[in-house]
Amino acid sequence: MFDFFKTTPKNYEDIPAGPFHDLMLQPDTVILDVRTAGEFAGGKIRGARNLDIMSRDFVNQIKNLPKDKTYLVYCRSGNRSGQACGIMADLGFKNLKNLAGGIMRWPFETV
C-alpha cells in the first residue's frame, strides 16, 4: 500500500580508502573531486580532477566525460560524491565508486 521504507538500489559502490587507493593505480580510471574549488585548493587526492557538484554546469561537464572509464568519486564526507555518483548513473555511467567517508577518512597522501 505505502512504500515508506522502499529504497531504490544504488547504481554505484561505496568503497573504503584502501580499495579506492588500489583502484587509482589501474588504467582507465578517473578520480573526480566534487567539492568546491576552494576545498579542492586546500588539498586533494593526487591526480584528481575537480568538478564541483554545486556548480550550475555540473551535469553538462559530466555529460562530456567518456562512459567507458572507472570513476572514483569523492568529496569531504562522502555525501556529495554519493549524489554525484547517482547523477552519473542516471546519465548512463556504469563503473562508479564512491569513497566511503570522503577525504576526511583518507589515510594516504594529499597534495
PDB file of N, CA and C in Angstrom:
ATOM      1  N   MET A   1       0.817  -1.186   0.000  1.00  0.00           N
ATOM      2  CA  MET A   1       0.000   0.000   0.000  1.00  0.00           C
ATOM      3  C   MET A   1       0.870   1.263   0.000  1.00  0.00           C
ATOM      4  N   PHE A   2       1.690   1.423   1.027  1.00  0.00           N
ATOM      5  CA  PHE A   2       2.606   2.564   1.077  1.00  0.00           C
ATOM      6  C   PHE A   2       4.032   2.068   0.957  1.00  0.00           C
ATOM      7  N   ASP A   3       4.860   2.843   0.298  1.00  0.00           N
ATOM      8  CA  ASP A   3       6.257   2.458   0.106  1.00  0.00           C
ATOM      9  C   ASP A   3       7.201   3.360   0.908  1.00  0.00           C
ATOM     10  N   PHE A   4       6.829   3.604   2.174  1.00  0.00           N
ATOM     11  CA  PHE A   4       7.649   4.479   3.013  1.00  0.00           C
ATOM     12  C   PHE A   4       9.079   3.975   3.162  1.00  0.00           C
ATOM     13  N   PHE A   5       9.235   2.679   3.244  1.00  0.00           N
ATOM     14  CA  PHE A   5      10.550   2.107   3.524  1.00  0.00           C
ATOM     15  C   PHE A   5      11.232   1.548   2.290  1.00  0.00           C
ATOM     16  N   LYS A   6      10.609   1.738   1.150  1.00  0.00           N
ATOM     17  CA  LYS A   6      11.184   1.239  -0.093  1.00  0.00           C
ATOM     18  C   LYS A   6      12.351   2.140  -0.502  1.00  0.00           C
ATOM     19  N   THR A   7      13.478   1.539  -0.801  1.00  0.00           N
ATOM     20  CA  THR A   7      14.632   2.299  -1.270  1.00  0.00           C
ATOM     21  C   THR A   7      14.980   1.843  -2.675  1.00  0.00           C
ATOM     22  N   THR A   8      15.471   2.759  -3.442  1.00  0.00           N
ATOM     23  CA  THR A   8      15.909   2.384  -4.782  1.00  0.00           C
ATOM     24  C   THR A   8      17.354   1.913  -4.687  1.00  0.00           C
ATOM     25  N   PRO A   9      17.704   0.888  -5.436  1.00  0.00           N
ATOM     26  CA  PRO A   9      19.076   0.383  -5.361  1.00  0.00           C
ATOM     27  C   PRO A   9      20.064   1.412  -5.903  1.00  0.00           C
ATOM     28  N   LYS A  10      21.232   1.459  -5.288  1.00  0.00           N
ATOM     29  CA  LYS A  10      22.277   2.362  -5.756  1.00  0.00           C
ATOM     30  C   LYS A  10      22.935   1.764  -6.990  1.00  0.00           C
ATOM     31  N   ASN A  11      23.269   2.625  -7.928  1.00  0.00           N
ATOM     32  CA  ASN A  11      23.946   2.199  -9.148  1.00  0.00           C
ATOM     33  C   ASN A  11      25.433   2.512  -9.072  1.00  0.00           C
ATOM     34  N   TYR A  12      25.958   2.537  -7.864  1.00  0.00           N
ATOM     35  CA  TYR A  12      27.377   2.757  -7.627  1.00  0.00           C
ATOM     36  C   TYR A  12      27.742   2.021  -6.349  1.00  0.00           C
ATOM     37  N   GLU A  13      29.030   1.950  -6.083  1.00  0.00           N
ATOM     38  CA  GLU A  13      29.503   1.224  -4.912  1.00  0.00           C
ATOM     39  C   GLU A  13      30.256   2.162  -3.977  1.00  0.00           C
ATOM     40  N   ASP A  14      29.909   2.109  -2.688  1.00  0.00           N
ATOM     41  CA  ASP A  14      30.674   2.825  -1.665  1.00  0.00           C
ATOM     42  C   ASP A  14      31.835   1.926  -1.270  1.00  0.00           C
ATOM     43  N   ILE A  15      33.057   2.434  -1.369  1.00  0.00           N
ATOM     44  CA  ILE A  15      34.218   1.612  -1.017  1.00  0.00           C
ATOM     45  C   ILE A  15      35.128   2.376  -0.042  1.00  0.00           C
ATOM     46  N   PRO A  16      35.800   1.646   0.846  1.00  0.00           N
ATOM     47  CA  PRO A  16      36.719   2.292   1.773  1.00  0.00           C
ATOM     48  C   PRO A  16      37.998   2.767   1.075  1.00  0.00           C
ATOM     49  N   ALA A  17      38.804   3.516   1.824  1.00  0.00           N
ATOM     50  CA  ALA A  17      40.005   4.150   1.275  1.00  0.00           C
ATOM     51  C   ALA A  17      40.991   3.151   0.661  1.00  0.00           C
ATOM     52  N   GLY A  18      41.203   2.010   1.291  1.00  0.00           N
ATOM     53  CA  GLY A  18      42.178   1.044   0.778  1.00  0.00           C
ATOM     54  C   GLY A  18      41.879   0.592  -0.646  1.00  0.00           C
ATOM     55  N   PRO A  19      40.678   0.032  -0.897  1.00  0.00           N
ATOM     56  CA  PRO A  19      40.341  -0.359  -2.271  1.00  0.00           C
ATOM     57  C   PRO A  19      40.288   0.825  -3.242  1.00  0.00           C
ATOM     58  N   PHE A  20      39.854   1.986  -2.757  1.00  0.00           N
ATOM     59  CA  PHE A  20      39.830   3.193  -3.586  1.00  0.00           C
ATOM     60  C   PHE A  20      41.258   3.516  -4.040  1.00  0.00           C
ATOM     61  N   HIS A  21      42.195   3.477  -3.104  1.00  0.00           N
ATOM     62  CA  HIS A  21      43.607   3.745  -3.397  1.00  0.00           C
ATOM     63  C   HIS A  21      44.146   2.728  -4.411  1.00  0.00           C
ATOM     64  N   ASP A  22      43.815   1.454  -4.233  1.00  0.00           N
ATOM     65  CA  ASP A  22      44.273   0.413  -5.155  1.00  0.00           C
ATOM     66  C   ASP A  22      43.738   0.648  -6.567  1.00  0.00           C
ATOM     67  N   LEU A  23      42.468   1.048  -6.671  1.00  0.00           N
ATOM     68  CA  LEU A  23      41.867   1.281  -7.983  1.00  0.00           C
ATOM     69  C   LEU A  23      42.480   2.490  -8.691  1.00  0.00           C
ATOM     70  N   MET A  24      43.003   3.437  -7.924  1.00  0.00           N
ATOM     71  CA  MET A  24      43.627   4.621  -8.523  1.00  0.00           C
ATOM     72  C   MET A  24      44.776   4.240  -9.439  1.00  0.00           C
ATOM     73  N   LEU A  25      45.396   3.121  -9.170  1.00  0.00           N
ATOM     74  CA  LEU A  25      46.576   2.688  -9.921  1.00  0.00           C
ATOM     75  C   LEU A  25      46.227   1.948 -11.206  1.00  0.00           C
ATOM     76  N   GLN A  26      44.951   1.651 -11.400  1.00  0.00           N
ATOM     77  CA  GLN A  26      44.519   0.901 -12.577  1.00  0.00           C
ATOM     78  C   GLN A  26      44.374   1.824 -13.788  1.00  0.00           C
ATOM     79  N   PRO A  27      44.600   1.260 -14.994  1.00  0.00           N
ATOM     80  CA  PRO A  27      44.385   2.075 -16.206  1.00  0.00           C
ATOM     81  C   PRO A  27      42.897   2.376 -16.395  1.00  0.00           C
ATOM     82  N   ASP A  28      42.599   3.397 -17.157  1.00  0.00           N
ATOM     83  CA  ASP A  28      41.224   3.808 -17.455  1.00  0.00           C
ATOM     84  C   ASP A  28      40.435   4.182 -16.209  1.00  0.00           C
ATOM     85  N   THR A  29      41.131   4.748 -15.230  1.00  0.00           N
ATOM     86  CA  THR A  29      40.488   5.205 -14.009  1.00  0.00           C
ATOM     87  C   THR A  29      40.597   6.720 -13.921  1.00  0.00           C
ATOM     88  N   VAL A  30      39.482   7.373 -13.574  1.00  0.00           N
ATOM     89  CA  VAL A  30      39.433   8.822 -13.430  1.00  0.00           C
ATOM     90  C   VAL A  30      39.015   9.133 -11.995  1.00  0.00           C
ATOM     91  N   ILE A  31      39.762  10.024 -11.344  1.00  0.00           N
ATOM     92  CA  ILE A  31      39.440  10.427  -9.979  1.00  0.00           C
ATOM     93  C   ILE A  31      38.748  11.786 -10.051  1.00  0.00           C
ATOM     94  N   LEU A  32      37.521  11.838  -9.520  1.00  0.00           N
ATOM     95  CA  LEU A  32      36.760  13.084  -9.529  1.00  0.00           C
ATOM     96  C   LEU A  32      36.550  13.586  -8.104  1.00  0.00           C
ATOM     97  N   ASP A  33      36.919  14.817  -7.874  1.00  0.00           N
ATOM     98  CA  ASP A  33      36.675  15.508  -6.617  1.00  0.00           C
ATOM     99  C   ASP A  33      35.500  16.450  -6.872  1.00  0.00           C
ATOM    100  N   VAL A  34      34.382  16.235  -6.195  1.00  0.00           N
ATOM    101  CA  VAL A  34      33.185  17.025  -6.477  1.00  0.00           C
ATOM    102  C   VAL A  34      32.966  18.135  -5.446  1.00  0.00           C
ATOM    103  N   ARG A  35      34.026  18.489  -4.720  1.00  0.00           N
ATOM    104  CA  ARG A  35      33.949  19.599  -3.757  1.00  0.00           C
ATOM    105  C   ARG A  35      34.081  20.936  -4.495  1.00  0.00           C
ATOM    106  N   THR A  36      33.962  22.015  -3.732  1.00  0.00           N
ATOM    107  CA  THR A  36      34.126  23.347  -4.318  1.00  0.00           C
ATOM    108  C   THR A  36      35.591  23.566  -4.694  1.00  0.00           C
ATOM    109  N   ALA A  37      35.827  24.568  -5.520  1.00  0.00           N
ATOM    110  CA  ALA A  37      37.201  24.898  -5.929  1.00  0.00           C
ATOM    111  C   ALA A  37      38.055  25.271  -4.719  1.00  0.00           C
ATOM    112  N   GLY A  38      37.464  25.959  -3.752  1.00  0.00           N
ATOM    113  CA  GLY A  38      38.190  26.324  -2.546  1.00  0.00           C
ATOM    114  C   GLY A  38      38.614  25.114  -1.732  1.00  0.00           C
ATOM    115  N   GLU A  39      37.705  24.155  -1.570  1.00  0.00           N
ATOM    116  CA  GLU A  39      38.035  22.919  -0.856  1.00  0.00           C
ATOM    117  C   GLU A  39      39.134  22.158  -1.612  1.00  0.00           C
ATOM    118  N   PHE A  40      38.983  22.089  -2.920  1.00  0.00           N
ATOM    119  CA  PHE A  40      39.944  21.394  -3.780  1.00  0.00           C
ATOM    120  C   PHE A  40      41.337  22.009  -3.633  1.00  0.00           C
ATOM    121  N   ALA A  41      41.399  23.340  -3.614  1.00  0.00           N
ATOM    122  CA  ALA A  41      42.679  24.042  -3.491  1.00  0.00           C
ATOM    123  C   ALA A  41      43.326  23.788  -2.132  1.00  0.00           C
ATOM    124  N   GLY A  42      42.528  23.449  -1.137  1.00  0.00           N
ATOM    125  CA  GLY A  42      43.038  23.203   0.199  1.00  0.00           C
ATOM    126  C   GLY A  42      43.673  21.836   0.385  1.00  0.00           C
ATOM    127  N   GLY A  43      43.614  20.988  -0.611  1.00  0.00           N
ATOM    128  CA  GLY A  43      44.190  19.651  -0.539  1.00  0.00           C
ATOM    129  C   GLY A  43      43.327  18.658  -1.276  1.00  0.00           C
ATOM    130  N   LYS A  44      43.962  17.847  -2.096  1.00  0.00           N
ATOM    131  CA  LYS A  44      43.226  16.887  -2.927  1.00  0.00           C
ATOM    132  C   LYS A  44      43.998  15.589  -3.020  1.00  0.00           C
ATOM    133  N   ILE A  45      43.315  14.573  -3.503  1.00  0.00           N
ATOM    134  CA  ILE A  45      43.957  13.297  -3.788  1.00  0.00           C
ATOM    135  C   ILE A  45      44.726  13.471  -5.102  1.00  0.00           C
ATOM    136  N   ARG A  46      45.965  13.001  -5.114  1.00  0.00           N
ATOM    137  CA  ARG A  46      46.818  13.152  -6.297  1.00  0.00           C
ATOM    138  C   ARG A  46      46.106  12.620  -7.554  1.00  0.00           C
ATOM    139  N   GLY A  47      46.118  13.435  -8.608  1.00  0.00           N
ATOM    140  CA  GLY A  47      45.531  13.041  -9.887  1.00  0.00           C
ATOM    141  C   GLY A  47      44.053  13.356 -10.027  1.00  0.00           C
ATOM    142  N   ALA A  48      43.451  13.936  -8.991  1.00  0.00           N
ATOM    143  CA  ALA A  48      42.012  14.219  -9.041  1.00  0.00           C
ATOM    144  C   ALA A  48      41.699  15.403  -9.937  1.00  0.00           C
ATOM    145  N   ARG A  49      40.546  15.311 -10.568  1.00  0.00           N
ATOM    146  CA  ARG A  49      40.004  16.393 -11.381  1.00  0.00           C
ATOM    147  C   ARG A  49      38.835  16.987 -10.606  1.00  0.00           C
ATOM    148  N   ASN A  50      38.734  18.303 -10.546  1.00  0.00           N
ATOM    149  CA  ASN A  50      37.677  18.964  -9.777  1.00  0.00           C
ATOM    150  C   ASN A  50      36.485  19.314 -10.657  1.00  0.00           C
ATOM    151  N   LEU A  51      35.321  18.749 -10.310  1.00  0.00           N
ATOM    152  CA  LEU A  51      34.044  19.107 -10.924  1.00  0.00           C
ATOM    153  C   LEU A  51      33.068  19.344  -9.778  1.00  0.00           C
ATOM    154  N   ASP A  52      32.843  20.595  -9.428  1.00  0.00           N
ATOM    155  CA  ASP A  52      32.011  20.979  -8.289  1.00  0.00           C
ATOM    156  C   ASP A  52      30.550  20.604  -8.533  1.00  0.00           C
ATOM    157  N   ILE A  53      30.028  19.712  -7.697  1.00  0.00           N
ATOM    158  CA  ILE A  53      28.637  19.269  -7.850  1.00  0.00           C
ATOM    159  C   ILE A  53      27.657  20.420  -7.631  1.00  0.00           C
ATOM    160  N   MET A  54      28.077  21.455  -6.915  1.00  0.00           N
ATOM    161  CA  MET A  54      27.189  22.593  -6.656  1.00  0.00           C
ATOM    162  C   MET A  54      27.177  23.597  -7.813  1.00  0.00           C
ATOM    163  N   SER A  55      28.025  23.380  -8.793  1.00  0.00           N
ATOM    164  CA  SER A  55      28.114  24.270  -9.945  1.00  0.00           C
ATOM    165  C   SER A  55      26.888  24.106 -10.845  1.00  0.00           C
ATOM    166  N   ARG A  56      26.463  25.212 -11.465  1.00  0.00           N
ATOM    167  CA  ARG A  56      25.311  25.164 -12.374  1.00  0.00           C
ATOM    168  C   ARG A  56      25.538  24.233 -13.557  1.00  0.00           C
ATOM    169  N   ASP A  57      26.780  24.135 -14.015  1.00  0.00           N
ATOM    170  CA  ASP A  57      27.040  23.334 -15.215  1.00  0.00           C
ATOM    171  C   ASP A  57      27.622  21.951 -14.904  1.00  0.00           C
ATOM    172  N   PHE A  58      27.429  21.472 -13.681  1.00  0.00           N
ATOM    173  CA  PHE A  58      27.959  20.153 -13.304  1.00  0.00           C
ATOM    174  C   PHE A  58      27.476  19.057 -14.249  1.00  0.00           C
ATOM    175  N   VAL A  59      26.184  19.001 -14.501  1.00  0.00           N
ATOM    176  CA  VAL A  59      25.636  17.942 -15.361  1.00  0.00           C
ATOM    177  C   VAL A  59      26.207  18.036 -16.770  1.00  0.00           C
ATOM    178  N   ASN A  60      26.335  19.247 -17.294  1.00  0.00           N
ATOM    179  CA  ASN A  60      26.909  19.405 -18.634  1.00  0.00           C
ATOM    180  C   ASN A  60      28.362  18.942 -18.673  1.00  0.00           C
ATOM    181  N   GLN A  61      29.120  19.224 -17.608  1.00  0.00           N
ATOM    182  CA  GLN A  61      30.507  18.770 -17.556  1.00  0.00           C
ATOM    183  C   GLN A  61      30.566  17.241 -17.502  1.00  0.00           C
ATOM    184  N   ILE A  62      29.687  16.638 -16.734  1.00  0.00           N
ATOM    185  CA  ILE A  62      29.646  15.176 -16.603  1.00  0.00           C
ATOM    186  C   ILE A  62      29.291  14.533 -17.940  1.00  0.00           C
ATOM    187  N   LYS A  63      28.336  15.117 -18.641  1.00  0.00           N
ATOM    188  CA  LYS A  63      27.899  14.555 -19.929  1.00  0.00           C
ATOM    189  C   LYS A  63      29.046  14.441 -20.926  1.00  0.00           C
ATOM    190  N   ASN A  64      30.065  15.291 -20.791  1.00  0.00           N
ATOM    191  CA  ASN A  64      31.192  15.290 -21.727  1.00  0.00           C
ATOM    192  C   ASN A  64      32.259  14.252 -21.393  1.00  0.00           C
ATOM    193  N   LEU A  65      32.104  13.554 -20.278  1.00  0.00           N
ATOM    194  CA  LEU A  65      33.096  12.553 -19.886  1.00  0.00           C
ATOM    195  C   LEU A  65      32.839  11.225 -20.594  1.00  0.00           C
ATOM    196  N   PRO A  66      33.892  10.470 -20.913  1.00  0.00           N
ATOM    197  CA  PRO A  66      33.698   9.153 -21.531  1.00  0.00           C
ATOM    198  C   PRO A  66      33.065   8.181 -20.532  1.00  0.00           C
ATOM    199  N   LYS A  67      32.141   7.392 -20.998  1.00  0.00           N
ATOM    200  CA  LYS A  67      31.412   6.472 -20.112  1.00  0.00           C
ATOM    201  C   LYS A  67      32.104   5.133 -19.931  1.00  0.00           C
ATOM    202  N   ASP A  68      33.197   4.894 -20.653  1.00  0.00           N
ATOM    203  CA  ASP A  68      33.862   3.592 -20.588  1.00  0.00           C
ATOM    204  C   ASP A  68      34.977   3.536 -19.540  1.00  0.00           C
ATOM    205  N   LYS A  69      35.098   4.555 -18.707  1.00  0.00           N
ATOM    206  CA  LYS A  69      36.134   4.606 -17.672  1.00  0.00           C
ATOM    207  C   LYS A  69      35.553   4.181 -16.324  1.00  0.00           C
ATOM    208  N   THR A  70      36.450   3.909 -15.380  1.00  0.00           N
ATOM    209  CA  THR A  70      36.056   3.703 -13.989  1.00  0.00           C
ATOM    210  C   THR A  70      36.209   5.040 -13.292  1.00  0.00           C
ATOM    211  N   TYR A  71      35.164   5.489 -12.618  1.00  0.00           N
ATOM    212  CA  TYR A  71      35.197   6.770 -11.926  1.00  0.00           C
ATOM    213  C   TYR A  71      35.247   6.567 -10.426  1.00  0.00           C
ATOM    214  N   LEU A  72      36.292   7.138  -9.821  1.00  0.00           N
ATOM    215  CA  LEU A  72      36.464   7.146  -8.381  1.00  0.00           C
ATOM    216  C   LEU A  72      36.082   8.547  -7.928  1.00  0.00           C
ATOM    217  N   VAL A  73      35.005   8.651  -7.172  1.00  0.00           N
ATOM    218  CA  VAL A  73      34.427   9.955  -6.844  1.00  0.00           C
ATOM    219  C   VAL A  73      34.519  10.190  -5.343  1.00  0.00           C
ATOM    220  N   TYR A  74      34.915  11.410  -4.961  1.00  0.00           N
ATOM    221  CA  TYR A  74      34.974  11.724  -3.539  1.00  0.00           C
ATOM    222  C   TYR A  74      34.624  13.184  -3.276  1.00  0.00           C
ATOM    223  N   CYS A  75      34.306  13.462  -2.021  1.00  0.00           N
ATOM    224  CA  CYS A  75      34.084  14.821  -1.530  1.00  0.00           C
ATOM    225  C   CYS A  75      34.644  14.877  -0.114  1.00  0.00           C
ATOM    226  N   ARG A  76      34.129  15.731   0.726  1.00  0.00           N
ATOM    227  CA  ARG A  76      34.643  15.834   2.089  1.00  0.00           C
ATOM    228  C   ARG A  76      34.222  14.637   2.930  1.00  0.00           C
ATOM    229  N   SER A  77      32.916  14.276   2.872  1.00  0.00           N
ATOM    230  CA  SER A  77      32.403  13.239   3.765  1.00  0.00           C
ATOM    231  C   SER A  77      31.796  12.027   3.063  1.00  0.00           C
ATOM    232  N   GLY A  78      31.638  12.092   1.762  1.00  0.00           N
ATOM    233  CA  GLY A  78      31.015  11.001   1.015  1.00  0.00           C
ATOM    234  C   GLY A  78      29.577  11.279   0.622  1.00  0.00           C
ATOM    235  N   ASN A  79      29.017  12.383   1.112  1.00  0.00           N
ATOM    236  CA  ASN A  79      27.632  12.737   0.814  1.00  0.00           C
ATOM    237  C   ASN A  79      27.453  13.277  -0.603  1.00  0.00           C
ATOM    238  N   ARG A  80      28.152  14.354  -0.911  1.00  0.00           N
ATOM    239  CA  ARG A  80      28.037  14.957  -2.248  1.00  0.00           C
ATOM    240  C   ARG A  80      28.527  14.005  -3.325  1.00  0.00           C
ATOM    241  N   SER A  81      29.581  13.241  -3.013  1.00  0.00           N
ATOM    242  CA  SER A  81      30.091  12.303  -4.018  1.00  0.00           C
ATOM    243  C   SER A  81      29.075  11.186  -4.273  1.00  0.00           C
ATOM    244  N   GLY A  82      28.333  10.790  -3.253  1.00  0.00           N
ATOM    245  CA  GLY A  82      27.259   9.815  -3.462  1.00  0.00           C
ATOM    246  C   GLY A  82      26.183  10.377  -4.374  1.00  0.00           C
ATOM    247  N   GLN A  83      25.837  11.649  -4.170  1.00  0.00           N
ATOM    248  CA  GLN A  83      24.871  12.307  -5.046  1.00  0.00           C
ATOM    249  C   GLN A  83      25.401  12.383  -6.472  1.00  0.00           C
ATOM    250  N   ALA A  84      26.688  12.716  -6.606  1.00  0.00           N
ATOM    251  CA  ALA A  84      27.303  12.802  -7.932  1.00  0.00           C
ATOM    252  C   ALA A  84      27.271  11.445  -8.627  1.00  0.00           C
ATOM    253  N   CYS A  85      27.563  10.388  -7.881  1.00  0.00           N
ATOM    254  CA  CYS A  85      27.513   9.041  -8.460  1.00  0.00           C
ATOM    255  C   CYS A  85      26.100   8.711  -8.932  1.00  0.00           C
ATOM    256  N   GLY A  86      25.098   9.110  -8.160  1.00  0.00           N
ATOM    257  CA  GLY A  86      23.704   8.878  -8.563  1.00  0.00           C
ATOM    258  C   GLY A  86      23.369   9.605  -9.851  1.00  0.00           C
ATOM    259  N   ILE A  87      23.800  10.851  -9.967  1.00  0.00           N
ATOM    260  CA  ILE A  87      23.576  11.632 -11.191  1.00  0.00           C
ATOM    261  C   ILE A  87      24.278  10.966 -12.364  1.00  0.00           C
ATOM    262  N   MET A  88      25.522  10.559 -12.147  1.00  0.00           N
ATOM    263  CA  MET A  88      26.291   9.927 -13.219  1.00  0.00           C
ATOM    264  C   MET A  88      25.646   8.609 -13.652  1.00  0.00           C
ATOM    265  N   ALA A  89      25.159   7.839 -12.695  1.00  0.00           N
ATOM    266  CA  ALA A  89      24.485   6.573 -13.024  1.00  0.00           C
ATOM    267  C   ALA A  89      23.240   6.843 -13.864  1.00  0.00           C
ATOM    268  N   ASP A  90      22.486   7.872 -13.506  1.00  0.00           N
ATOM    269  CA  ASP A  90      21.295   8.240 -14.286  1.00  0.00           C
ATOM    270  C   ASP A  90      21.656   8.650 -15.709  1.00  0.00           C
ATOM    271  N   LEU A  91      22.888   9.146 -15.903  1.00  0.00           N
ATOM    272  CA  LEU A  91      23.341   9.558 -17.233  1.00  0.00           C
ATOM    273  C   LEU A  91      23.982   8.411 -18.021  1.00  0.00           C
ATOM    274  N   GLY A  92      23.997   7.212 -17.429  1.00  0.00           N
ATOM    275  CA  GLY A  92      24.491   6.042 -18.160  1.00  0.00           C
ATOM    276  C   GLY A  92      25.881   5.568 -17.800  1.00  0.00           C
ATOM    277  N   PHE A  93      26.504   6.166 -16.793  1.00  0.00           N
ATOM    278  CA  PHE A  93      27.812   5.693 -16.351  1.00  0.00           C
ATOM    279  C   PHE A  93      27.618   4.410 -15.554  1.00  0.00           C
ATOM    280  N   LYS A  94      28.494   3.437 -15.762  1.00  0.00           N
ATOM    281  CA  LYS A  94      28.317   2.116 -15.159  1.00  0.00           C
ATOM    282  C   LYS A  94      29.292   1.805 -14.036  1.00  0.00           C
ATOM    283  N   ASN A  95      30.541   2.232 -14.153  1.00  0.00           N
ATOM    284  CA  ASN A  95      31.562   1.816 -13.203  1.00  0.00           C
ATOM    285  C   ASN A  95      31.912   2.986 -12.277  1.00  0.00           C
ATOM    286  N   LEU A  96      31.133   3.116 -11.193  1.00  0.00           N
ATOM    287  CA  LEU A  96      31.245   4.240 -10.281  1.00  0.00           C
ATOM    288  C   LEU A  96      31.557   3.768  -8.875  1.00  0.00           C
ATOM    289  N   LYS A  97      32.576   4.377  -8.273  1.00  0.00           N
ATOM    290  CA  LYS A  97      32.983   4.053  -6.903  1.00  0.00           C
ATOM    291  C   LYS A  97      33.011   5.342  -6.089  1.00  0.00           C
ATOM    292  N   ASN A  98      32.334   5.330  -4.954  1.00  0.00           N
ATOM    293  CA  ASN A  98      32.279   6.472  -4.057  1.00  0.00           C
ATOM    294  C   ASN A  98      33.167   6.195  -2.854  1.00  0.00           C
ATOM    295  N   LEU A  99      34.047   7.137  -2.523  1.00  0.00           N
ATOM    296  CA  LEU A  99      34.922   6.988  -1.364  1.00  0.00           C
ATOM    297  C   LEU A  99      34.100   7.116  -0.087  1.00  0.00           C
ATOM    298  N   ALA A 100      33.898   6.003   0.604  1.00  0.00           N
ATOM    299  CA  ALA A 100      33.128   5.990   1.846  1.00  0.00           C
ATOM    300  C   ALA A 100      33.812   6.868   2.889  1.00  0.00           C
ATOM    301  N   GLY A 101      33.077   7.801   3.448  1.00  0.00           N
ATOM    302  CA  GLY A 101      33.637   8.706   4.446  1.00  0.00           C
ATOM    303  C   GLY A 101      34.368   9.900   3.864  1.00  0.00           C
ATOM    304  N   GLY A 102      34.522   9.938   2.550  1.00  0.00           N
ATOM    305  CA  GLY A 102      35.149  11.064   1.881  1.00  0.00           C
ATOM    306  C   GLY A 102      36.621  11.245   2.231  1.00  0.00           C
ATOM    307  N   ILE A 103      37.146  12.399   1.864  1.00  0.00           N
ATOM    308  CA  ILE A 103      38.567  12.678   2.077  1.00  0.00           C
ATOM    309  C   ILE A 103      38.893  12.781   3.571  1.00  0.00           C
ATOM    310  N   MET A 104      37.881  12.977   4.403  1.00  0.00           N
ATOM    311  CA  MET A 104      38.113  13.008   5.856  1.00  0.00           C
ATOM    312  C   MET A 104      38.623  11.661   6.361  1.00  0.00           C
ATOM    313  N   ARG A 105      38.291  10.589   5.634  1.00  0.00           N
ATOM    314  CA  ARG A 105      38.733   9.245   6.019  1.00  0.00           C
ATOM    315  C   ARG A 105      39.933   8.764   5.202  1.00  0.00           C
ATOM    316  N   TRP A 106      40.547   9.647   4.454  1.00  0.00           N
ATOM    317  CA  TRP A 106      41.647   9.306   3.548  1.00  0.00           C
ATOM    318  C   TRP A 106      42.955   9.269   4.335  1.00  0.00           C
ATOM    319  N   PRO A 107      43.552   8.067   4.542  1.00  0.00           N
ATOM    320  CA  PRO A 107      44.772   7.990   5.330  1.00  0.00           C
ATOM    321  C   PRO A 107      46.058   8.185   4.502  1.00  0.00           C
ATOM    322  N   PHE A 108      45.887   8.339   3.188  1.00  0.00           N
ATOM    323  CA  PHE A 108      47.031   8.437   2.296  1.00  0.00           C
ATOM    324  C   PHE A 108      47.375   9.900   2.013  1.00  0.00           C
ATOM    325  N   GLU A 109      48.392  10.101   1.209  1.00  0.00           N
ATOM    326  CA  GLU A 109      48.886  11.443   0.876  1.00  0.00           C
ATOM    327  C   GLU A 109      47.830  12.270   0.141  1.00  0.00           C
ATOM    328  N   THR A 110      47.805  13.558   0.473  1.00  0.00           N
ATOM    329  CA  THR A 110      47.060  14.532  -0.320  1.00  0.00           C
ATOM    330  C   THR A 110      48.053  15.583  -0.789  1.00  0.00           C
ATOM    331  N   VAL A 111      47.697  16.257  -1.864  1.00  0.00           N
ATOM    332  CA  VAL A 111      48.596  17.274  -2.419  1.00  0.00           C
ATOM    333  C   VAL A 111      47.902  18.617  -2.495  1.00  0.00           C
TER     334      VAL A 111
END
